[in-house]
Amino acid sequence: MPQFRIAEVAGLLGVSDDTVRRWVDQGALAASTDDHGRLVVDGADAARRAVEVADAADDPSSVGRSARNRFVGLVTRVIRDGVMAQVDIQAGPHRVVSLMSAEAVDELGLEVGTLAVAVVKATTVIVETPGGSR
């Protein structure tokens, strides 16, 4: 099972080292010591905590959808090029880029600062691990 040092968990969860230490002290995150005496967190426990503390913005729509990958954020850039446009949305730490028709941009009223929801429904999701796999 992978283990991560406190600073690594903090970086992955977007919080400070002190916050991770507080969670350990409060029992919200289990930690142990590695062979070198350093405090480490089990990867599965870090993943559980990541899901618990994820604070995505509320979806402003009341529409039911089958797509589960929804990113609520603000439009940060709109680049028009004739018939097509690129729309960038900053959803928390995630930048989502959509290519769509310029007509769709107009119909949706998309401009920098607009609240938007990027809905991703894909049949292919590529997963990578750092440093190669086994």
N, C-alpha and C. Protein backbone atom coordinates (compact mmCIF):
# COMPACT_ATOMS: atom_id res chain seq x y z
N MET A 1 0.85 -1.18 0.00
CA MET A 1 0.00 0.00 0.00
C MET A 1 0.90 1.25 0.00
N PRO A 2 0.62 2.22 -0.87
CA PRO A 2 1.45 3.43 -0.89
C PRO A 2 1.28 4.25 0.38
N GLN A 3 2.35 4.89 0.77
CA GLN A 3 2.33 5.78 1.92
C GLN A 3 2.89 7.13 1.48
N PHE A 4 2.37 8.19 2.09
CA PHE A 4 2.79 9.54 1.75
C PHE A 4 3.19 10.30 3.00
N ARG A 5 4.23 11.09 2.88
CA ARG A 5 4.65 11.95 3.99
C ARG A 5 3.65 13.09 4.15
N ILE A 6 3.66 13.71 5.31
CA ILE A 6 2.69 14.76 5.64
C ILE A 6 2.68 15.85 4.58
N ALA A 7 3.84 16.33 4.16
CA ALA A 7 3.92 17.39 3.17
C ALA A 7 3.32 16.95 1.83
N GLU A 8 3.51 15.69 1.48
CA GLU A 8 2.94 15.18 0.22
C GLU A 8 1.41 15.15 0.30
N VAL A 9 0.87 14.69 1.43
CA VAL A 9 -0.59 14.66 1.61
C VAL A 9 -1.13 16.08 1.55
N ALA A 10 -0.45 17.00 2.20
CA ALA A 10 -0.89 18.40 2.20
C ALA A 10 -0.95 18.93 0.77
N GLY A 11 0.08 18.66 -0.01
CA GLY A 11 0.10 19.13 -1.39
C GLY A 11 -1.00 18.50 -2.24
N LEU A 12 -1.25 17.22 -2.04
CA LEU A 12 -2.28 16.53 -2.80
C LEU A 12 -3.69 17.01 -2.45
N LEU A 13 -3.88 17.39 -1.19
CA LEU A 13 -5.21 17.81 -0.75
C LEU A 13 -5.39 19.32 -0.77
N GLY A 14 -4.32 20.05 -1.09
CA GLY A 14 -4.44 21.51 -1.17
C GLY A 14 -4.60 22.19 0.16
N VAL A 15 -3.98 21.63 1.20
CA VAL A 15 -4.03 22.23 2.54
C VAL A 15 -2.60 22.36 3.07
N SER A 16 -2.45 22.95 4.24
CA SER A 16 -1.12 23.11 4.83
C SER A 16 -0.69 21.84 5.56
N ASP A 17 0.62 21.73 5.78
CA ASP A 17 1.15 20.62 6.58
C ASP A 17 0.50 20.61 7.95
N ASP A 18 0.32 21.81 8.54
CA ASP A 18 -0.29 21.90 9.87
C ASP A 18 -1.71 21.35 9.89
N THR A 19 -2.46 21.58 8.81
CA THR A 19 -3.82 21.05 8.75
C THR A 19 -3.79 19.52 8.75
N VAL A 20 -2.88 18.94 8.00
CA VAL A 20 -2.77 17.47 7.97
C VAL A 20 -2.39 16.96 9.36
N ARG A 21 -1.46 17.62 10.01
CA ARG A 21 -1.08 17.20 11.37
C ARG A 21 -2.25 17.30 12.34
N ARG A 22 -3.06 18.36 12.21
CA ARG A 22 -4.25 18.50 13.06
C ARG A 22 -5.22 17.36 12.82
N TRP A 23 -5.43 17.00 11.53
CA TRP A 23 -6.32 15.89 11.21
C TRP A 23 -5.82 14.59 11.83
N VAL A 24 -4.51 14.40 11.82
CA VAL A 24 -3.92 13.21 12.45
C VAL A 24 -4.18 13.25 13.95
N ASP A 25 -3.92 14.40 14.57
CA ASP A 25 -4.14 14.55 16.02
C ASP A 25 -5.60 14.34 16.41
N GLN A 26 -6.52 14.76 15.53
CA GLN A 26 -7.96 14.65 15.81
C GLN A 26 -8.52 13.27 15.46
N GLY A 27 -7.70 12.43 14.81
CA GLY A 27 -8.15 11.10 14.42
C GLY A 27 -8.90 11.07 13.11
N ALA A 28 -8.93 12.19 12.38
CA ALA A 28 -9.61 12.25 11.10
C ALA A 28 -8.78 11.62 9.99
N LEU A 29 -7.50 11.44 10.25
CA LEU A 29 -6.58 10.86 9.28
C LEU A 29 -5.58 10.00 10.06
N ALA A 30 -5.51 8.73 9.70
CA ALA A 30 -4.61 7.82 10.41
C ALA A 30 -3.19 7.98 9.88
N ALA A 31 -2.23 7.93 10.78
CA ALA A 31 -0.82 8.03 10.40
C ALA A 31 -0.02 7.02 11.19
N SER A 32 1.13 6.67 10.63
CA SER A 32 2.07 5.78 11.30
C SER A 32 3.47 6.29 11.00
N THR A 33 4.46 5.59 11.47
CA THR A 33 5.83 5.99 11.16
C THR A 33 6.43 4.98 10.18
N ASP A 34 7.26 5.50 9.28
CA ASP A 34 7.91 4.62 8.31
C ASP A 34 9.21 4.08 8.91
N ASP A 35 9.99 3.38 8.11
CA ASP A 35 11.24 2.78 8.57
C ASP A 35 12.27 3.81 9.03
N HIS A 36 12.08 5.05 8.62
CA HIS A 36 13.02 6.12 8.98
C HIS A 36 12.48 6.98 10.13
N GLY A 37 11.35 6.57 10.70
CA GLY A 37 10.77 7.30 11.83
C GLY A 37 9.96 8.52 11.44
N ARG A 38 9.68 8.69 10.14
CA ARG A 38 8.89 9.83 9.67
C ARG A 38 7.41 9.49 9.72
N LEU A 39 6.59 10.49 9.99
CA LEU A 39 5.14 10.31 10.02
C LEU A 39 4.64 10.15 8.58
N VAL A 40 3.88 9.09 8.32
CA VAL A 40 3.34 8.84 6.98
C VAL A 40 1.85 8.50 7.08
N VAL A 41 1.15 8.75 5.98
CA VAL A 41 -0.28 8.47 5.89
C VAL A 41 -0.48 7.42 4.80
N ASP A 42 -1.30 6.44 5.09
CA ASP A 42 -1.63 5.40 4.12
C ASP A 42 -2.36 6.03 2.94
N GLY A 43 -2.00 5.63 1.72
CA GLY A 43 -2.60 6.20 0.52
C GLY A 43 -4.11 6.07 0.47
N ALA A 44 -4.64 4.93 0.90
CA ALA A 44 -6.10 4.73 0.88
C ALA A 44 -6.79 5.68 1.85
N ASP A 45 -6.18 5.93 3.00
CA ASP A 45 -6.77 6.84 3.97
C ASP A 45 -6.70 8.28 3.44
N ALA A 46 -5.61 8.62 2.78
CA ALA A 46 -5.49 9.96 2.18
C ALA A 46 -6.56 10.14 1.10
N ALA A 47 -6.81 9.09 0.31
CA ALA A 47 -7.83 9.17 -0.73
C ALA A 47 -9.22 9.36 -0.12
N ARG A 48 -9.49 8.64 0.97
CA ARG A 48 -10.79 8.79 1.67
C ARG A 48 -10.96 10.22 2.14
N ARG A 49 -9.91 10.78 2.72
CA ARG A 49 -9.98 12.15 3.23
C ARG A 49 -10.14 13.15 2.09
N ALA A 50 -9.50 12.88 0.95
CA ALA A 50 -9.61 13.77 -0.21
C ALA A 50 -11.06 13.88 -0.66
N VAL A 51 -11.77 12.75 -0.65
CA VAL A 51 -13.18 12.76 -1.04
C VAL A 51 -14.00 13.54 0.00
N GLU A 52 -13.69 13.37 1.27
CA GLU A 52 -14.44 14.04 2.34
C GLU A 52 -14.29 15.56 2.28
N VAL A 53 -13.10 16.03 1.96
CA VAL A 53 -12.86 17.48 2.01
C VAL A 53 -13.02 18.17 0.67
N ALA A 54 -13.32 17.41 -0.38
CA ALA A 54 -13.52 18.04 -1.69
C ALA A 54 -14.65 19.04 -1.56
N ASP A 55 -14.39 20.25 -1.96
CA ASP A 55 -15.41 21.28 -1.82
C ASP A 55 -15.71 21.94 -3.16
N ALA A 56 -16.29 21.16 -4.03
CA ALA A 56 -16.69 21.69 -5.32
C ALA A 56 -17.84 22.66 -5.11
N ALA A 57 -17.90 23.65 -5.96
CA ALA A 57 -19.00 24.61 -5.89
C ALA A 57 -20.31 23.91 -6.19
N ASP A 58 -21.39 24.42 -5.61
CA ASP A 58 -22.71 23.83 -5.87
C ASP A 58 -23.08 24.03 -7.33
N ASP A 59 -23.69 23.01 -7.91
CA ASP A 59 -24.15 23.08 -9.29
C ASP A 59 -25.42 23.93 -9.31
N PRO A 60 -25.41 25.04 -10.08
CA PRO A 60 -26.57 25.93 -10.07
C PRO A 60 -27.76 25.40 -10.86
N SER A 61 -27.58 24.36 -11.65
CA SER A 61 -28.69 23.84 -12.45
C SER A 61 -29.48 22.83 -11.64
N SER A 62 -30.71 22.65 -12.03
CA SER A 62 -31.55 21.66 -11.35
C SER A 62 -31.88 20.52 -12.31
N VAL A 63 -31.03 20.33 -13.29
CA VAL A 63 -31.25 19.30 -14.30
C VAL A 63 -30.56 18.02 -13.88
N GLY A 64 -31.26 16.89 -14.00
CA GLY A 64 -30.65 15.60 -13.73
C GLY A 64 -29.89 15.13 -14.98
N ARG A 65 -28.70 14.58 -14.77
CA ARG A 65 -27.89 14.11 -15.89
C ARG A 65 -27.22 12.80 -15.51
N SER A 66 -26.86 12.03 -16.53
CA SER A 66 -26.14 10.80 -16.26
C SER A 66 -24.66 11.06 -16.05
N ALA A 67 -24.16 12.17 -16.57
CA ALA A 67 -22.74 12.49 -16.42
C ALA A 67 -22.45 12.87 -14.97
N ARG A 68 -21.42 12.27 -14.39
CA ARG A 68 -21.07 12.54 -13.00
C ARG A 68 -19.91 13.54 -12.90
N ASN A 69 -19.21 13.75 -13.98
CA ASN A 69 -18.05 14.63 -13.96
C ASN A 69 -18.49 16.04 -14.33
N ARG A 70 -18.84 16.81 -13.31
CA ARG A 70 -19.35 18.16 -13.49
C ARG A 70 -18.42 19.12 -12.76
N PHE A 71 -18.00 20.15 -13.46
CA PHE A 71 -17.06 21.12 -12.91
C PHE A 71 -17.70 22.50 -12.94
N VAL A 72 -18.07 23.01 -11.76
CA VAL A 72 -18.68 24.33 -11.66
C VAL A 72 -17.57 25.35 -11.48
N GLY A 73 -17.60 26.39 -12.28
CA GLY A 73 -16.56 27.41 -12.17
C GLY A 73 -16.89 28.66 -12.94
N LEU A 74 -15.86 29.46 -13.12
CA LEU A 74 -16.01 30.73 -13.82
C LEU A 74 -15.29 30.68 -15.15
N VAL A 75 -15.91 31.28 -16.15
CA VAL A 75 -15.26 31.40 -17.46
C VAL A 75 -14.10 32.38 -17.30
N THR A 76 -12.92 31.96 -17.68
CA THR A 76 -11.73 32.82 -17.55
C THR A 76 -11.21 33.32 -18.89
N ARG A 77 -11.65 32.67 -19.99
CA ARG A 77 -11.19 33.10 -21.31
C ARG A 77 -12.12 32.57 -22.38
N VAL A 78 -12.39 33.41 -23.37
CA VAL A 78 -13.15 33.00 -24.55
C VAL A 78 -12.37 33.47 -25.76
N ILE A 79 -11.96 32.52 -26.59
CA ILE A 79 -11.23 32.84 -27.81
C ILE A 79 -12.09 32.41 -28.99
N ARG A 80 -12.48 33.37 -29.80
CA ARG A 80 -13.32 33.09 -30.97
C ARG A 80 -12.45 33.09 -32.22
N ASP A 81 -12.74 32.15 -33.09
CA ASP A 81 -12.01 32.08 -34.35
C ASP A 81 -13.00 31.71 -35.45
N GLY A 82 -13.73 32.68 -35.89
CA GLY A 82 -14.73 32.41 -36.92
C GLY A 82 -15.88 31.60 -36.40
N VAL A 83 -16.02 30.38 -36.89
CA VAL A 83 -17.14 29.52 -36.55
C VAL A 83 -16.96 28.87 -35.18
N MET A 84 -15.72 28.66 -34.73
CA MET A 84 -15.44 27.94 -33.49
C MET A 84 -14.94 28.88 -32.40
N ALA A 85 -14.98 28.38 -31.16
CA ALA A 85 -14.49 29.14 -30.01
C ALA A 85 -13.90 28.18 -28.98
N GLN A 86 -12.95 28.71 -28.21
CA GLN A 86 -12.39 27.98 -27.07
C GLN A 86 -12.86 28.70 -25.81
N VAL A 87 -13.40 27.95 -24.87
CA VAL A 87 -13.86 28.51 -23.60
C VAL A 87 -13.09 27.83 -22.47
N ASP A 88 -12.42 28.63 -21.64
CA ASP A 88 -11.69 28.12 -20.49
C ASP A 88 -12.52 28.38 -19.24
N ILE A 89 -12.65 27.36 -18.40
CA ILE A 89 -13.38 27.48 -17.13
C ILE A 89 -12.43 27.08 -16.02
N GLN A 90 -12.33 27.91 -14.99
CA GLN A 90 -11.54 27.58 -13.80
C GLN A 90 -12.51 27.08 -12.75
N ALA A 91 -12.44 25.78 -12.44
CA ALA A 91 -13.33 25.14 -11.48
C ALA A 91 -12.48 24.67 -10.31
N GLY A 92 -12.36 25.49 -9.28
CA GLY A 92 -11.46 25.18 -8.18
C GLY A 92 -10.06 25.10 -8.72
N PRO A 93 -9.32 24.03 -8.43
CA PRO A 93 -7.95 23.93 -8.94
C PRO A 93 -7.88 23.41 -10.37
N HIS A 94 -9.04 23.14 -10.98
CA HIS A 94 -9.06 22.51 -12.30
C HIS A 94 -9.39 23.52 -13.39
N ARG A 95 -8.58 23.48 -14.44
CA ARG A 95 -8.86 24.27 -15.64
C ARG A 95 -9.48 23.33 -16.66
N VAL A 96 -10.69 23.64 -17.09
CA VAL A 96 -11.38 22.83 -18.08
C VAL A 96 -11.51 23.66 -19.35
N VAL A 97 -11.11 23.08 -20.48
CA VAL A 97 -11.15 23.78 -21.76
C VAL A 97 -12.17 23.09 -22.65
N SER A 98 -13.06 23.89 -23.24
CA SER A 98 -14.07 23.35 -24.14
C SER A 98 -13.95 24.03 -25.50
N LEU A 99 -14.04 23.22 -26.53
CA LEU A 99 -14.11 23.74 -27.89
C LEU A 99 -15.55 23.60 -28.34
N MET A 100 -16.15 24.69 -28.80
CA MET A 100 -17.56 24.68 -29.21
C MET A 100 -17.76 25.69 -30.32
N SER A 101 -18.94 25.70 -30.87
CA SER A 101 -19.22 26.66 -31.93
C SER A 101 -19.34 28.06 -31.31
N ALA A 102 -18.99 29.07 -32.11
CA ALA A 102 -19.14 30.45 -31.67
C ALA A 102 -20.62 30.76 -31.43
N GLU A 103 -21.48 30.11 -32.20
CA GLU A 103 -22.92 30.28 -32.01
C GLU A 103 -23.35 29.81 -30.62
N ALA A 104 -22.80 28.68 -30.15
CA ALA A 104 -23.13 28.18 -28.81
C ALA A 104 -22.66 29.16 -27.74
N VAL A 105 -21.48 29.76 -27.95
CA VAL A 105 -20.99 30.77 -27.00
C VAL A 105 -21.99 31.90 -26.88
N ASP A 106 -22.48 32.38 -28.03
CA ASP A 106 -23.46 33.47 -28.03
C ASP A 106 -24.76 33.06 -27.37
N GLU A 107 -25.26 31.86 -27.71
CA GLU A 107 -26.53 31.40 -27.15
C GLU A 107 -26.46 31.23 -25.64
N LEU A 108 -25.31 30.80 -25.12
CA LEU A 108 -25.13 30.60 -23.68
C LEU A 108 -24.73 31.88 -22.96
N GLY A 109 -24.40 32.92 -23.72
CA GLY A 109 -23.98 34.18 -23.11
C GLY A 109 -22.65 34.06 -22.38
N LEU A 110 -21.74 33.24 -22.90
CA LEU A 110 -20.47 33.00 -22.23
C LEU A 110 -19.52 34.16 -22.46
N GLU A 111 -19.00 34.67 -21.36
CA GLU A 111 -17.98 35.70 -21.39
C GLU A 111 -17.18 35.59 -20.11
N VAL A 112 -16.02 36.21 -20.06
CA VAL A 112 -15.18 36.14 -18.87
C VAL A 112 -15.99 36.58 -17.66
N GLY A 113 -15.97 35.74 -16.62
CA GLY A 113 -16.70 36.03 -15.39
C GLY A 113 -18.04 35.33 -15.29
N THR A 114 -18.50 34.68 -16.36
CA THR A 114 -19.78 33.97 -16.35
C THR A 114 -19.66 32.68 -15.53
N LEU A 115 -20.65 32.40 -14.69
CA LEU A 115 -20.72 31.13 -13.98
C LEU A 115 -21.12 30.06 -14.99
N ALA A 116 -20.39 28.95 -15.00
CA ALA A 116 -20.68 27.89 -15.97
C ALA A 116 -20.41 26.53 -15.34
N VAL A 117 -21.01 25.52 -15.92
CA VAL A 117 -20.80 24.14 -15.49
C VAL A 117 -20.28 23.36 -16.70
N ALA A 118 -19.08 22.81 -16.57
CA ALA A 118 -18.53 21.95 -17.61
C ALA A 118 -18.94 20.52 -17.28
N VAL A 119 -19.64 19.88 -18.18
CA VAL A 119 -20.09 18.51 -17.99
C VAL A 119 -19.26 17.63 -18.91
N VAL A 120 -18.55 16.66 -18.33
CA VAL A 120 -17.67 15.80 -19.11
C VAL A 120 -18.24 14.39 -19.12
N LYS A 121 -18.50 13.89 -20.30
CA LYS A 121 -18.97 12.51 -20.45
C LYS A 121 -18.08 11.89 -21.52
N ALA A 122 -17.20 11.03 -21.10
CA ALA A 122 -16.24 10.47 -22.03
C ALA A 122 -16.21 8.95 -21.90
N THR A 123 -15.96 8.30 -23.00
CA THR A 123 -15.82 6.85 -22.95
C THR A 123 -14.38 6.45 -22.71
N THR A 124 -13.46 7.40 -22.85
CA THR A 124 -12.05 7.10 -22.63
C THR A 124 -11.48 8.07 -21.60
N VAL A 125 -10.91 7.53 -20.56
CA VAL A 125 -10.21 8.33 -19.57
C VAL A 125 -8.83 7.68 -19.40
N ILE A 126 -7.80 8.46 -19.65
CA ILE A 126 -6.44 7.94 -19.55
C ILE A 126 -5.93 8.18 -18.13
N VAL A 127 -5.40 7.15 -17.50
CA VAL A 127 -4.87 7.24 -16.15
C VAL A 127 -3.37 6.99 -16.20
N GLU A 128 -2.60 7.88 -15.59
CA GLU A 128 -1.15 7.75 -15.55
C GLU A 128 -0.69 7.71 -14.10
N THR A 129 0.46 7.12 -13.87
CA THR A 129 1.08 7.15 -12.56
C THR A 129 2.47 7.74 -12.71
N PRO A 130 2.92 8.50 -11.72
CA PRO A 130 4.25 9.10 -11.82
C PRO A 130 5.34 8.04 -11.76
N GLY A 131 6.40 8.26 -12.53
CA GLY A 131 7.55 7.37 -12.50
C GLY A 131 7.33 6.02 -13.14
N GLY A 132 6.32 5.87 -13.96
CA GLY A 132 6.07 4.58 -14.61
C GLY A 132 5.34 3.62 -13.69
N SER A 133 4.97 2.51 -14.25
CA SER A 133 4.24 1.52 -13.44
C SER A 133 5.11 0.28 -13.26
N ARG A 134 4.61 -0.65 -12.52
CA ARG A 134 5.35 -1.88 -12.20
C ARG A 134 5.59 -2.72 -13.40
